[in-house]
PDB file of N, CA and C in Angstrom:
ATOM      1  N   UNK A   1      14.004 -21.287  68.527  1.00  0.00           N
ATOM      2  CA  UNK A   1      13.664 -19.893  68.355  1.00  0.00           C
ATOM      3  C   UNK A   1      12.447 -19.576  69.194  1.00  0.00           C
ATOM      4  N   UNK A   2      12.511 -18.550  70.009  1.00  0.00           N
ATOM      5  CA  UNK A   2      11.331 -18.242  70.832  1.00  0.00           C
ATOM      6  C   UNK A   2      10.375 -17.375  69.994  1.00  0.00           C
ATOM      7  N   UNK A   3       9.106 -17.523  70.293  1.00  0.00           N
ATOM      8  CA  UNK A   3       8.070 -16.866  69.492  1.00  0.00           C
ATOM      9  C   UNK A   3       8.057 -15.348  69.682  1.00  0.00           C
ATOM     10  N   UNK A   4       8.649 -14.859  70.737  1.00  0.00           N
ATOM     11  CA  UNK A   4       8.639 -13.436  70.997  1.00  0.00           C
ATOM     12  C   UNK A   4       9.788 -12.691  70.329  1.00  0.00           C
ATOM     13  N   UNK A   5      10.658 -13.417  69.676  1.00  0.00           N
ATOM     14  CA  UNK A   5      11.788 -12.817  69.012  1.00  0.00           C
ATOM     15  C   UNK A   5      11.296 -12.001  67.811  1.00  0.00           C
ATOM     16  N   UNK A   6      11.901 -10.850  67.590  1.00  0.00           N
ATOM     17  CA  UNK A   6      11.516  -9.984  66.469  1.00  0.00           C
ATOM     18  C   UNK A   6      12.531 -10.061  65.337  1.00  0.00           C
ATOM     19  N   UNK A   7      13.293 -11.133  65.275  1.00  0.00           N
ATOM     20  CA  UNK A   7      14.279 -11.286  64.213  1.00  0.00           C
ATOM     21  C   UNK A   7      13.586 -11.440  62.871  1.00  0.00           C
ATOM     22  N   UNK A   8      14.193 -10.873  61.857  1.00  0.00           N
ATOM     23  CA  UNK A   8      13.725 -11.103  60.488  1.00  0.00           C
ATOM     24  C   UNK A   8      14.738 -11.999  59.801  1.00  0.00           C
ATOM     25  N   UNK A   9      14.249 -13.031  59.147  1.00  0.00           N
ATOM     26  CA  UNK A   9      15.090 -13.961  58.418  1.00  0.00           C
ATOM     27  C   UNK A   9      15.187 -13.517  56.950  1.00  0.00           C
ATOM     28  N   UNK A  10      16.313 -13.811  56.341  1.00  0.00           N
ATOM     29  CA  UNK A  10      16.457 -13.614  54.895  1.00  0.00           C
ATOM     30  C   UNK A  10      15.881 -14.809  54.185  1.00  0.00           C
ATOM     31  N   UNK A  11      15.130 -14.573  53.126  1.00  0.00           N
ATOM     32  CA  UNK A  11      14.473 -15.656  52.405  1.00  0.00           C
ATOM     33  C   UNK A  11      15.066 -15.728  50.986  1.00  0.00           C
ATOM     34  N   UNK A  12      15.484 -16.963  50.612  1.00  0.00           N
ATOM     35  CA  UNK A  12      16.040 -17.194  49.294  1.00  0.00           C
ATOM     36  C   UNK A  12      15.238 -18.272  48.590  1.00  0.00           C
ATOM     37  N   UNK A  13      14.986 -18.063  47.304  1.00  0.00           N
ATOM     38  CA  UNK A  13      14.190 -19.002  46.503  1.00  0.00           C
ATOM     39  C   UNK A  13      15.124 -19.771  45.592  1.00  0.00           C
ATOM     40  N   UNK A  14      14.975 -21.097  45.571  1.00  0.00           N
ATOM     41  CA  UNK A  14      15.840 -21.956  44.777  1.00  0.00           C
ATOM     42  C   UNK A  14      15.357 -22.055  43.327  1.00  0.00           C
ATOM     43  N   UNK A  15      16.213 -22.632  42.478  1.00  0.00           N
ATOM     44  CA  UNK A  15      15.858 -22.906  41.099  1.00  0.00           C
ATOM     45  C   UNK A  15      14.697 -23.893  41.049  1.00  0.00           C
ATOM     46  N   UNK A  16      14.660 -24.854  41.960  1.00  0.00           N
ATOM     47  CA  UNK A  16      13.571 -25.820  42.027  1.00  0.00           C
ATOM     48  C   UNK A  16      12.239 -25.101  42.256  1.00  0.00           C
ATOM     49  N   UNK A  17      12.253 -24.083  43.109  1.00  0.00           N
ATOM     50  CA  UNK A  17      11.047 -23.292  43.354  1.00  0.00           C
ATOM     51  C   UNK A  17      10.591 -22.625  42.046  1.00  0.00           C
ATOM     52  N   UNK A  18      11.538 -22.055  41.298  1.00  0.00           N
ATOM     53  CA  UNK A  18      11.203 -21.412  40.035  1.00  0.00           C
ATOM     54  C   UNK A  18      10.629 -22.397  39.030  1.00  0.00           C
ATOM     55  N   UNK A  19      11.178 -23.614  39.010  1.00  0.00           N
ATOM     56  CA  UNK A  19      10.645 -24.647  38.088  1.00  0.00           C
ATOM     57  C   UNK A  19       9.207 -25.011  38.472  1.00  0.00           C
ATOM     58  N   UNK A  20       8.928 -25.061  39.761  1.00  0.00           N
ATOM     59  CA  UNK A  20       7.574 -25.362  40.221  1.00  0.00           C
ATOM     60  C   UNK A  20       6.608 -24.261  39.792  1.00  0.00           C
ATOM     61  N   UNK A  21       7.049 -23.013  39.888  1.00  0.00           N
ATOM     62  CA  UNK A  21       6.208 -21.889  39.427  1.00  0.00           C
ATOM     63  C   UNK A  21       5.945 -22.021  37.936  1.00  0.00           C
ATOM     64  N   UNK A  22       6.944 -22.439  37.176  1.00  0.00           N
ATOM     65  CA  UNK A  22       6.747 -22.642  35.726  1.00  0.00           C
ATOM     66  C   UNK A  22       5.709 -23.712  35.458  1.00  0.00           C
ATOM     67  N   UNK A  23       5.722 -24.785  36.248  1.00  0.00           N
ATOM     68  CA  UNK A  23       4.739 -25.852  36.078  1.00  0.00           C
ATOM     69  C   UNK A  23       3.331 -25.380  36.445  1.00  0.00           C
ATOM     70  N   UNK A  24       3.250 -24.591  37.484  1.00  0.00           N
ATOM     71  CA  UNK A  24       1.942 -24.018  37.869  1.00  0.00           C
ATOM     72  C   UNK A  24       1.434 -23.099  36.769  1.00  0.00           C
ATOM     73  N   UNK A  25       2.314 -22.287  36.227  1.00  0.00           N
ATOM     74  CA  UNK A  25       1.917 -21.378  35.137  1.00  0.00           C
ATOM     75  C   UNK A  25       1.476 -22.187  33.917  1.00  0.00           C
ATOM     76  N   UNK A  26       2.153 -23.259  33.622  1.00  0.00           N
ATOM     77  CA  UNK A  26       1.778 -24.117  32.484  1.00  0.00           C
ATOM     78  C   UNK A  26       0.389 -24.708  32.689  1.00  0.00           C
ATOM     79  N   UNK A  27       0.089 -25.127  33.919  1.00  0.00           N
ATOM     80  CA  UNK A  27      -1.225 -25.650  34.218  1.00  0.00           C
ATOM     81  C   UNK A  27      -2.296 -24.591  33.961  1.00  0.00           C
ATOM     82  N   UNK A  28      -2.050 -23.364  34.445  1.00  0.00           N
ATOM     83  CA  UNK A  28      -3.034 -22.287  34.231  1.00  0.00           C
ATOM     84  C   UNK A  28      -3.132 -21.925  32.764  1.00  0.00           C
ATOM     85  N   UNK A  29      -2.036 -21.985  32.027  1.00  0.00           N
ATOM     86  CA  UNK A  29      -2.064 -21.675  30.598  1.00  0.00           C
ATOM     87  C   UNK A  29      -2.961 -22.667  29.858  1.00  0.00           C
ATOM     88  N   UNK A  30      -2.946 -23.932  30.304  1.00  0.00           N
ATOM     89  CA  UNK A  30      -3.824 -24.939  29.681  1.00  0.00           C
ATOM     90  C   UNK A  30      -5.296 -24.664  29.949  1.00  0.00           C
ATOM     91  N   UNK A  31      -5.613 -23.860  30.948  1.00  0.00           N
ATOM     92  CA  UNK A  31      -6.994 -23.559  31.304  1.00  0.00           C
ATOM     93  C   UNK A  31      -7.574 -22.435  30.451  1.00  0.00           C
ATOM     94  N   UNK A  32      -6.732 -21.695  29.767  1.00  0.00           N
ATOM     95  CA  UNK A  32      -7.202 -20.615  28.893  1.00  0.00           C
ATOM     96  C   UNK A  32      -6.528 -19.291  29.204  1.00  0.00           C
ATOM     97  N   UNK A  33      -6.703 -18.365  28.301  1.00  0.00           N
ATOM     98  CA  UNK A  33      -6.047 -17.050  28.393  1.00  0.00           C
ATOM     99  C   UNK A  33      -6.461 -16.287  29.643  1.00  0.00           C
ATOM    100  N   UNK A  34      -7.764 -16.285  29.944  1.00  0.00           N
ATOM    101  CA  UNK A  34      -8.250 -15.545  31.109  1.00  0.00           C
ATOM    102  C   UNK A  34      -7.643 -16.074  32.411  1.00  0.00           C
ATOM    103  N   UNK A  35      -7.550 -17.394  32.524  1.00  0.00           N
ATOM    104  CA  UNK A  35      -6.996 -18.002  33.721  1.00  0.00           C
ATOM    105  C   UNK A  35      -5.499 -17.700  33.818  1.00  0.00           C
ATOM    106  N   UNK A  36      -4.799 -17.747  32.689  1.00  0.00           N
ATOM    107  CA  UNK A  36      -3.362 -17.435  32.683  1.00  0.00           C
ATOM    108  C   UNK A  36      -3.141 -15.995  33.080  1.00  0.00           C
ATOM    109  N   UNK A  37      -3.939 -15.079  32.583  1.00  0.00           N
ATOM    110  CA  UNK A  37      -3.818 -13.673  32.944  1.00  0.00           C
ATOM    111  C   UNK A  37      -4.052 -13.484  34.435  1.00  0.00           C
ATOM    112  N   UNK A  38      -5.029 -14.224  34.986  1.00  0.00           N
ATOM    113  CA  UNK A  38      -5.293 -14.162  36.421  1.00  0.00           C
ATOM    114  C   UNK A  38      -4.030 -14.586  37.179  1.00  0.00           C
ATOM    115  N   UNK A  39      -3.424 -15.710  36.773  1.00  0.00           N
ATOM    116  CA  UNK A  39      -2.230 -16.218  37.456  1.00  0.00           C
ATOM    117  C   UNK A  39      -1.090 -15.192  37.405  1.00  0.00           C
ATOM    118  N   UNK A  40      -0.888 -14.583  36.257  1.00  0.00           N
ATOM    119  CA  UNK A  40       0.197 -13.610  36.089  1.00  0.00           C
ATOM    120  C   UNK A  40       0.014 -12.450  37.044  1.00  0.00           C
ATOM    121  N   UNK A  41      -1.230 -12.044  37.275  1.00  0.00           N
ATOM    122  CA  UNK A  41      -1.480 -10.921  38.197  1.00  0.00           C
ATOM    123  C   UNK A  41      -1.282 -11.358  39.655  1.00  0.00           C
ATOM    124  N   UNK A  42      -1.406 -12.635  39.965  1.00  0.00           N
ATOM    125  CA  UNK A  42      -1.307 -13.113  41.350  1.00  0.00           C
ATOM    126  C   UNK A  42       0.099 -13.591  41.735  1.00  0.00           C
ATOM    127  N   UNK A  43       0.914 -13.997  40.748  1.00  0.00           N
ATOM    128  CA  UNK A  43       2.185 -14.665  41.038  1.00  0.00           C
ATOM    129  C   UNK A  43       3.134 -13.785  41.881  1.00  0.00           C
ATOM    130  N   UNK A  44       3.361 -12.550  41.479  1.00  0.00           N
ATOM    131  CA  UNK A  44       4.281 -11.684  42.241  1.00  0.00           C
ATOM    132  C   UNK A  44       3.762 -11.428  43.651  1.00  0.00           C
ATOM    133  N   UNK A  45       2.468 -11.228  43.783  1.00  0.00           N
ATOM    134  CA  UNK A  45       1.885 -11.011  45.125  1.00  0.00           C
ATOM    135  C   UNK A  45       2.086 -12.224  45.994  1.00  0.00           C
ATOM    136  N   UNK A  46       1.955 -13.416  45.414  1.00  0.00           N
ATOM    137  CA  UNK A  46       2.112 -14.637  46.161  1.00  0.00           C
ATOM    138  C   UNK A  46       3.564 -14.790  46.637  1.00  0.00           C
ATOM    139  N   UNK A  47       4.510 -14.515  45.761  1.00  0.00           N
ATOM    140  CA  UNK A  47       5.937 -14.590  46.135  1.00  0.00           C
ATOM    141  C   UNK A  47       6.249 -13.593  47.224  1.00  0.00           C
ATOM    142  N   UNK A  48       5.754 -12.375  47.106  1.00  0.00           N
ATOM    143  CA  UNK A  48       5.978 -11.362  48.144  1.00  0.00           C
ATOM    144  C   UNK A  48       5.355 -11.801  49.471  1.00  0.00           C
ATOM    145  N   UNK A  49       4.195 -12.423  49.396  1.00  0.00           N
ATOM    146  CA  UNK A  49       3.529 -12.884  50.616  1.00  0.00           C
ATOM    147  C   UNK A  49       4.350 -13.979  51.289  1.00  0.00           C
ATOM    148  N   UNK A  50       4.864 -14.917  50.502  1.00  0.00           N
ATOM    149  CA  UNK A  50       5.713 -15.975  51.052  1.00  0.00           C
ATOM    150  C   UNK A  50       6.941 -15.367  51.711  1.00  0.00           C
ATOM    151  N   UNK A  51       7.591 -14.450  51.023  1.00  0.00           N
ATOM    152  CA  UNK A  51       8.787 -13.781  51.541  1.00  0.00           C
ATOM    153  C   UNK A  51       8.493 -13.091  52.866  1.00  0.00           C
ATOM    154  N   UNK A  52       7.434 -12.304  52.884  1.00  0.00           N
ATOM    155  CA  UNK A  52       7.077 -11.550  54.104  1.00  0.00           C
ATOM    156  C   UNK A  52       6.705 -12.477  55.254  1.00  0.00           C
ATOM    157  N   UNK A  53       5.881 -13.463  54.964  1.00  0.00           N
ATOM    158  CA  UNK A  53       5.421 -14.358  56.005  1.00  0.00           C
ATOM    159  C   UNK A  53       6.565 -15.182  56.602  1.00  0.00           C
ATOM    160  N   UNK A  54       7.398 -15.752  55.756  1.00  0.00           N
ATOM    161  CA  UNK A  54       8.500 -16.564  56.260  1.00  0.00           C
ATOM    162  C   UNK A  54       9.560 -15.735  56.962  1.00  0.00           C
ATOM    163  N   UNK A  55       9.866 -14.561  56.447  1.00  0.00           N
ATOM    164  CA  UNK A  55      10.900 -13.748  57.078  1.00  0.00           C
ATOM    165  C   UNK A  55      10.455 -13.290  58.468  1.00  0.00           C
ATOM    166  N   UNK A  56       9.160 -13.118  58.646  1.00  0.00           N
ATOM    167  CA  UNK A  56       8.616 -12.699  59.944  1.00  0.00           C
ATOM    168  C   UNK A  56       8.406 -13.860  60.899  1.00  0.00           C
ATOM    169  N   UNK A  57       7.954 -14.975  60.357  1.00  0.00           N
ATOM    170  CA  UNK A  57       7.669 -16.157  61.195  1.00  0.00           C
ATOM    171  C   UNK A  57       8.001 -17.416  60.412  1.00  0.00           C
ATOM    172  N   UNK A  58       9.230 -17.913  60.527  1.00  0.00           N
ATOM    173  CA  UNK A  58       9.687 -19.002  59.659  1.00  0.00           C
ATOM    174  C   UNK A  58       9.059 -20.357  59.867  1.00  0.00           C
ATOM    175  N   UNK A  59       8.251 -20.551  60.897  1.00  0.00           N
ATOM    176  CA  UNK A  59       7.673 -21.843  61.151  1.00  0.00           C
ATOM    177  C   UNK A  59       6.179 -21.891  60.828  1.00  0.00           C
ATOM    178  N   UNK A  60       5.786 -21.112  59.833  1.00  0.00           N
ATOM    179  CA  UNK A  60       4.379 -20.968  59.519  1.00  0.00           C
ATOM    180  C   UNK A  60       3.810 -22.244  58.866  1.00  0.00           C
ATOM    181  N   UNK A  61       4.615 -23.014  58.115  1.00  0.00           N
ATOM    182  CA  UNK A  61       4.107 -24.252  57.509  1.00  0.00           C
ATOM    183  C   UNK A  61       3.274 -23.976  56.294  1.00  0.00           C
ATOM    184  N   UNK A  62       2.023 -24.411  56.266  1.00  0.00           N
ATOM    185  CA  UNK A  62       1.147 -24.228  55.117  1.00  0.00           C
ATOM    186  C   UNK A  62       0.759 -22.751  55.017  1.00  0.00           C
ATOM    187  N   UNK A  63       0.829 -22.226  53.798  1.00  0.00           N
ATOM    188  CA  UNK A  63       0.446 -20.853  53.567  1.00  0.00           C
ATOM    189  C   UNK A  63      -0.830 -20.803  52.745  1.00  0.00           C
ATOM    190  N   UNK A  64      -1.502 -19.713  52.871  1.00  0.00           N
ATOM    191  CA  UNK A  64      -2.707 -19.513  52.046  1.00  0.00           C
ATOM    192  C   UNK A  64      -2.617 -18.174  51.345  1.00  0.00           C
ATOM    193  N   UNK A  65      -2.910 -18.190  50.086  1.00  0.00           N
ATOM    194  CA  UNK A  65      -3.043 -16.985  49.301  1.00  0.00           C
ATOM    195  C   UNK A  65      -4.534 -16.785  49.135  1.00  0.00           C
ATOM    196  N   UNK A  66      -4.965 -15.584  48.922  1.00  0.00           N
ATOM    197  CA  UNK A  66      -6.410 -15.334  48.884  1.00  0.00           C
ATOM    198  C   UNK A  66      -7.134 -16.198  47.848  1.00  0.00           C
ATOM    199  N   UNK A  67      -6.489 -16.436  46.694  1.00  0.00           N
ATOM    200  CA  UNK A  67      -7.191 -17.134  45.625  1.00  0.00           C
ATOM    201  C   UNK A  67      -6.536 -18.469  45.280  1.00  0.00           C
ATOM    202  N   UNK A  68      -5.447 -18.810  45.976  1.00  0.00           N
ATOM    203  CA  UNK A  68      -4.739 -20.057  45.650  1.00  0.00           C
ATOM    204  C   UNK A  68      -4.168 -20.638  46.920  1.00  0.00           C
ATOM    205  N   UNK A  69      -4.483 -21.884  47.214  1.00  0.00           N
ATOM    206  CA  UNK A  69      -3.867 -22.569  48.351  1.00  0.00           C
ATOM    207  C   UNK A  69      -2.641 -23.261  47.855  1.00  0.00           C
ATOM    208  N   UNK A  70      -1.577 -23.248  48.666  1.00  0.00           N
ATOM    209  CA  UNK A  70      -0.368 -23.889  48.257  1.00  0.00           C
ATOM    210  C   UNK A  70       0.422 -24.340  49.485  1.00  0.00           C
ATOM    211  N   UNK A  71       1.269 -25.312  49.260  1.00  0.00           N
ATOM    212  CA  UNK A  71       2.186 -25.785  50.289  1.00  0.00           C
ATOM    213  C   UNK A  71       3.583 -25.345  49.893  1.00  0.00           C
ATOM    214  N   UNK A  72       4.330 -24.841  50.837  1.00  0.00           N
ATOM    215  CA  UNK A  72       5.709 -24.471  50.553  1.00  0.00           C
ATOM    216  C   UNK A  72       6.611 -25.346  51.395  1.00  0.00           C
ATOM    217  N   UNK A  73       7.715 -25.739  50.786  1.00  0.00           N
ATOM    218  CA  UNK A  73       8.718 -26.535  51.455  1.00  0.00           C
ATOM    219  C   UNK A  73       9.980 -25.719  51.566  1.00  0.00           C
ATOM    220  N   UNK A  74      10.528 -25.632  52.760  1.00  0.00           N
ATOM    221  CA  UNK A  74      11.682 -24.772  52.956  1.00  0.00           C
ATOM    222  C   UNK A  74      12.517 -25.272  54.125  1.00  0.00           C
ATOM    223  N   UNK A  75      13.757 -24.788  54.173  1.00  0.00           N
ATOM    224  CA  UNK A  75      14.678 -25.118  55.279  1.00  0.00           C
ATOM    225  C   UNK A  75      14.981 -23.834  56.048  1.00  0.00           C
ATOM    226  N   UNK A  76      15.030 -23.958  57.347  1.00  0.00           N
ATOM    227  CA  UNK A  76      15.338 -22.812  58.209  1.00  0.00           C
ATOM    228  C   UNK A  76      16.716 -23.017  58.819  1.00  0.00           C
ATOM    229  N   UNK A  77      17.568 -22.024  58.667  1.00  0.00           N
ATOM    230  CA  UNK A  77      18.893 -22.038  59.277  1.00  0.00           C
ATOM    231  C   UNK A  77      18.888 -20.944  60.341  1.00  0.00           C
ATOM    232  N   UNK A  78      18.524 -21.328  61.587  1.00  0.00           N
ATOM    233  CA  UNK A  78      18.362 -20.352  62.668  1.00  0.00           C
ATOM    234  C   UNK A  78      19.617 -19.561  62.948  1.00  0.00           C
ATOM    235  N   UNK A  79      20.759 -20.246  63.003  1.00  0.00           N
ATOM    236  CA  UNK A  79      22.011 -19.555  63.341  1.00  0.00           C
ATOM    237  C   UNK A  79      22.336 -18.436  62.337  1.00  0.00           C
ATOM    238  N   UNK A  80      21.990 -18.676  61.076  1.00  0.00           N
ATOM    239  CA  UNK A  80      22.288 -17.682  60.039  1.00  0.00           C
ATOM    240  C   UNK A  80      21.089 -16.773  59.758  1.00  0.00           C
ATOM    241  N   UNK A  81      19.969 -17.044  60.418  1.00  0.00           N
ATOM    242  CA  UNK A  81      18.726 -16.302  60.186  1.00  0.00           C
ATOM    243  C   UNK A  81      18.364 -16.294  58.700  1.00  0.00           C
ATOM    244  N   UNK A  82      18.412 -17.480  58.112  1.00  0.00           N
ATOM    245  CA  UNK A  82      18.182 -17.657  56.680  1.00  0.00           C
ATOM    246  C   UNK A  82      17.149 -18.737  56.445  1.00  0.00           C
ATOM    247  N   UNK A  83      16.354 -18.547  55.432  1.00  0.00           N
ATOM    248  CA  UNK A  83      15.378 -19.532  55.001  1.00  0.00           C
ATOM    249  C   UNK A  83      15.578 -19.773  53.510  1.00  0.00           C
ATOM    250  N   UNK A  84      15.616 -21.033  53.121  1.00  0.00           N
ATOM    251  CA  UNK A  84      15.758 -21.406  51.710  1.00  0.00           C
ATOM    252  C   UNK A  84      14.446 -22.065  51.306  1.00  0.00           C
ATOM    253  N   UNK A  85      13.732 -21.433  50.371  1.00  0.00           N
ATOM    254  CA  UNK A  85      12.465 -21.972  49.877  1.00  0.00           C
ATOM    255  C   UNK A  85      12.778 -22.935  48.739  1.00  0.00           C
ATOM    256  N   UNK A  86      12.383 -24.182  48.926  1.00  0.00           N
ATOM    257  CA  UNK A  86      12.775 -25.242  48.000  1.00  0.00           C
ATOM    258  C   UNK A  86      11.698 -25.495  46.946  1.00  0.00           C
ATOM    259  N   UNK A  87      10.459 -25.557  47.366  1.00  0.00           N
ATOM    260  CA  UNK A  87       9.413 -26.048  46.496  1.00  0.00           C
ATOM    261  C   UNK A  87       8.082 -25.404  46.847  1.00  0.00           C
ATOM    262  N   UNK A  88       7.200 -25.359  45.867  1.00  0.00           N
ATOM    263  CA  UNK A  88       5.830 -24.891  46.091  1.00  0.00           C
ATOM    264  C   UNK A  88       4.914 -25.819  45.311  1.00  0.00           C
ATOM    265  N   UNK A  89       3.860 -26.276  45.972  1.00  0.00           N
ATOM    266  CA  UNK A  89       2.900 -27.176  45.327  1.00  0.00           C
ATOM    267  C   UNK A  89       1.492 -26.713  45.653  1.00  0.00           C
ATOM    268  N   UNK A  90       0.600 -26.728  44.658  1.00  0.00           N
ATOM    269  CA  UNK A  90      -0.791 -26.405  44.965  1.00  0.00           C
ATOM    270  C   UNK A  90      -1.387 -27.454  45.895  1.00  0.00           C
ATOM    271  N   UNK A  91      -2.182 -27.001  46.859  1.00  0.00           N
ATOM    272  CA  UNK A  91      -2.882 -27.933  47.741  1.00  0.00           C
ATOM    273  C   UNK A  91      -4.007 -28.582  46.972  1.00  0.00           C
ATOM    274  N   UNK A  92      -4.293 -29.779  47.316  1.00  0.00           N
ATOM    275  CA  UNK A  92      -5.449 -30.472  46.700  1.00  0.00           C
ATOM    276  C   UNK A  92      -6.706 -29.985  47.372  1.00  0.00           C
ATOM    277  N   UNK A  93      -7.734 -29.845  46.575  1.00  0.00           N
ATOM    278  CA  UNK A  93      -9.016 -29.480  47.147  1.00  0.00           C
ATOM    279  C   UNK A  93     -10.071 -30.480  46.629  1.00  0.00           C
ATOM    280  N   UNK A  94     -11.264 -30.376  47.149  1.00  0.00           N
ATOM    281  CA  UNK A  94     -12.312 -31.283  46.729  1.00  0.00           C
ATOM    282  C   UNK A  94     -13.037 -30.751  45.483  1.00  0.00           C
ATOM    283  N   UNK A  95     -12.678 -29.536  45.052  1.00  0.00           N
ATOM    284  CA  UNK A  95     -13.282 -29.000  43.843  1.00  0.00           C
ATOM    285  C   UNK A  95     -12.752 -29.723  42.603  1.00  0.00           C
ATOM    286  N   UNK A  96     -13.592 -29.847  41.616  1.00  0.00           N
ATOM    287  CA  UNK A  96     -13.159 -30.455  40.347  1.00  0.00           C
ATOM    288  C   UNK A  96     -12.388 -29.383  39.564  1.00  0.00           C
ATOM    289  N   UNK A  97     -11.340 -29.844  38.889  1.00  0.00           N
ATOM    290  CA  UNK A  97     -10.570 -28.953  38.048  1.00  0.00           C
ATOM    291  C   UNK A  97     -11.306 -28.652  36.756  1.00  0.00           C
ATOM    292  N   UNK A  98     -11.112 -27.461  36.247  1.00  0.00           N
ATOM    293  CA  UNK A  98     -11.716 -27.052  34.988  1.00  0.00           C
ATOM    294  C   UNK A  98     -10.860 -27.633  33.876  1.00  0.00           C
ATOM    295  N   UNK A  99     -11.442 -28.265  32.918  1.00  0.00           N
ATOM    296  CA  UNK A  99     -10.673 -28.821  31.775  1.00  0.00           C
ATOM    297  C   UNK A  99     -11.290 -28.324  30.505  1.00  0.00           C
TER     298      UNK A  99
END
């Protein structure tokens, strides 16, 4: 795929992706109500950002959300102009987790 192409890819999220989001939500729920509420306000924006970013440029690799770093795993089918998002994992940081 050449970088100057203006094609938009269709992005599909798998059940595995949804399970990962559930695990992330569970982690934030363990941190307390305020943290869970923060996650709920950010989750839809994060999904929309992934969709927009990948559909515009499918080889972006690591993505960053303003308040959450994450890695996304996906497959690109160039011939079909389709992207299947398989998994999402929080990036590790040097900060200590709140317990």
